[in-house]
Every structure is written in structure tokens, then in C-alpha cells.
């Protein structure tokens, strides 16, 4: 019975860790009501200047 739970833990870690790492690298999930600067999310390397 222990082998079954070890399999479940390894399966969860094998699926969960890469998913969490991917979300971390892309900046997390995007929610419709969240306000973000899309130029930074798109990889625009120019500095953000506001008020011009």
C-alpha cells in the first residue's frame, strides 16, 4: 500500500513542479481584471517612461 502513495506523491510532484516553475517564469497566471504593463510582459526591453 505504501508503494501506491509513493506513486501518487511522485506523480503530483512530477506534474506540479514543472507547472509551478512555468507559471513563475512567465509571471503567473493572467486574470481578466488584473492591470499589468503589457509591454514588459511581451519582452520589450526599452525602459518605461511615463508622462511623455
C-alpha atoms as a PDB file:
ATOM      1  CA  UNK A   1       0.000   0.000   0.000  1.00  0.00           C
ATOM      2  CA  UNK A   2       2.923   2.304   0.683  1.00  0.00           C
ATOM      3  CA  UNK A   3       4.090   1.996  -2.919  1.00  0.00           C
ATOM      4  CA  UNK A   4       0.732   3.326  -4.118  1.00  0.00           C
ATOM      5  CA  UNK A   5       1.064   6.514  -2.040  1.00  0.00           C
ATOM      6  CA  UNK A   6       4.664   6.958  -3.124  1.00  0.00           C
ATOM      7  CA  UNK A   7       3.476   6.781  -6.720  1.00  0.00           C
ATOM      8  CA  UNK A   8       0.808   9.422  -6.057  1.00  0.00           C
ATOM      9  CA  UNK A   9       3.356  11.745  -4.418  1.00  0.00           C
ATOM     10  CA  UNK A  10       5.873  11.310  -7.244  1.00  0.00           C
ATOM     11  CA  UNK A  11       3.147  11.857  -9.846  1.00  0.00           C
ATOM     12  CA  UNK A  12       1.924  15.036  -8.129  1.00  0.00           C
ATOM     13  CA  UNK A  13       5.472  16.367  -7.804  1.00  0.00           C
ATOM     14  CA  UNK A  14       6.281  15.463 -11.399  1.00  0.00           C
ATOM     15  CA  UNK A  15       3.287  17.407 -12.679  1.00  0.00           C
ATOM     16  CA  UNK A  16       3.134  20.177 -10.093  1.00  0.00           C
ATOM     17  CA  UNK A  17       6.730  21.355 -10.003  1.00  0.00           C
ATOM     18  CA  UNK A  18       7.136  21.986 -13.765  1.00  0.00           C
ATOM     19  CA  UNK A  19       3.754  23.750 -13.849  1.00  0.00           C
ATOM     20  CA  UNK A  20       4.687  25.978 -10.910  1.00  0.00           C
ATOM     21  CA  UNK A  21       8.078  26.720 -12.468  1.00  0.00           C
ATOM     22  CA  UNK A  22       6.453  27.639 -15.781  1.00  0.00           C
ATOM     23  CA  UNK A  23       3.984  29.985 -14.063  1.00  0.00           C
ATOM     24  CA  UNK A  24       6.868  31.585 -12.159  1.00  0.00           C
ATOM     25  CA  UNK A  25       8.887  32.113 -15.330  1.00  0.00           C
ATOM     26  CA  UNK A  26       6.013  33.654 -17.303  1.00  0.00           C
ATOM     27  CA  UNK A  27       4.940  35.863 -14.398  1.00  0.00           C
ATOM     28  CA  UNK A  28       1.997  33.911 -13.066  1.00  0.00           C
ATOM     29  CA  UNK A  29      -1.485  33.375 -14.389  1.00  0.00           C
ATOM     30  CA  UNK A  30      -3.214  36.336 -16.063  1.00  0.00           C
ATOM     31  CA  UNK A  31      -6.568  37.309 -14.627  1.00  0.00           C
ATOM     32  CA  UNK A  32      -9.018  39.418 -16.687  1.00  0.00           C
ATOM     33  CA  UNK A  33      -9.352  42.147 -14.052  1.00  0.00           C
ATOM     34  CA  UNK A  34      -5.618  42.423 -13.372  1.00  0.00           C
ATOM     35  CA  UNK A  35      -3.837  45.528 -14.601  1.00  0.00           C
ATOM     36  CA  UNK A  36      -0.311  44.937 -15.878  1.00  0.00           C
ATOM     37  CA  UNK A  37       2.069  46.739 -18.184  1.00  0.00           C
ATOM     38  CA  UNK A  38       1.787  44.592 -21.293  1.00  0.00           C
ATOM     39  CA  UNK A  39       4.971  45.989 -22.873  1.00  0.00           C
ATOM     40  CA  UNK A  40       7.035  44.436 -20.082  1.00  0.00           C
ATOM     41  CA  UNK A  41       5.161  41.130 -20.344  1.00  0.00           C
ATOM     42  CA  UNK A  42       5.820  40.997 -24.086  1.00  0.00           C
ATOM     43  CA  UNK A  43       9.586  41.258 -23.571  1.00  0.00           C
ATOM     44  CA  UNK A  44      10.041  44.873 -24.608  1.00  0.00           C
ATOM     45  CA  UNK A  45      13.496  45.814 -23.293  1.00  0.00           C
ATOM     46  CA  UNK A  46      13.029  49.582 -23.605  1.00  0.00           C
ATOM     47  CA  UNK A  47      12.711  51.444 -20.317  1.00  0.00           C
ATOM     48  CA  UNK A  48       9.207  52.528 -19.372  1.00  0.00           C
ATOM     49  CA  UNK A  49       8.826  56.312 -19.456  1.00  0.00           C
ATOM     50  CA  UNK A  50       5.590  57.742 -18.227  1.00  0.00           C
ATOM     51  CA  UNK A  51       4.172  61.202 -18.786  1.00  0.00           C
ATOM     52  CA  UNK A  52       5.635  61.939 -22.202  1.00  0.00           C
END
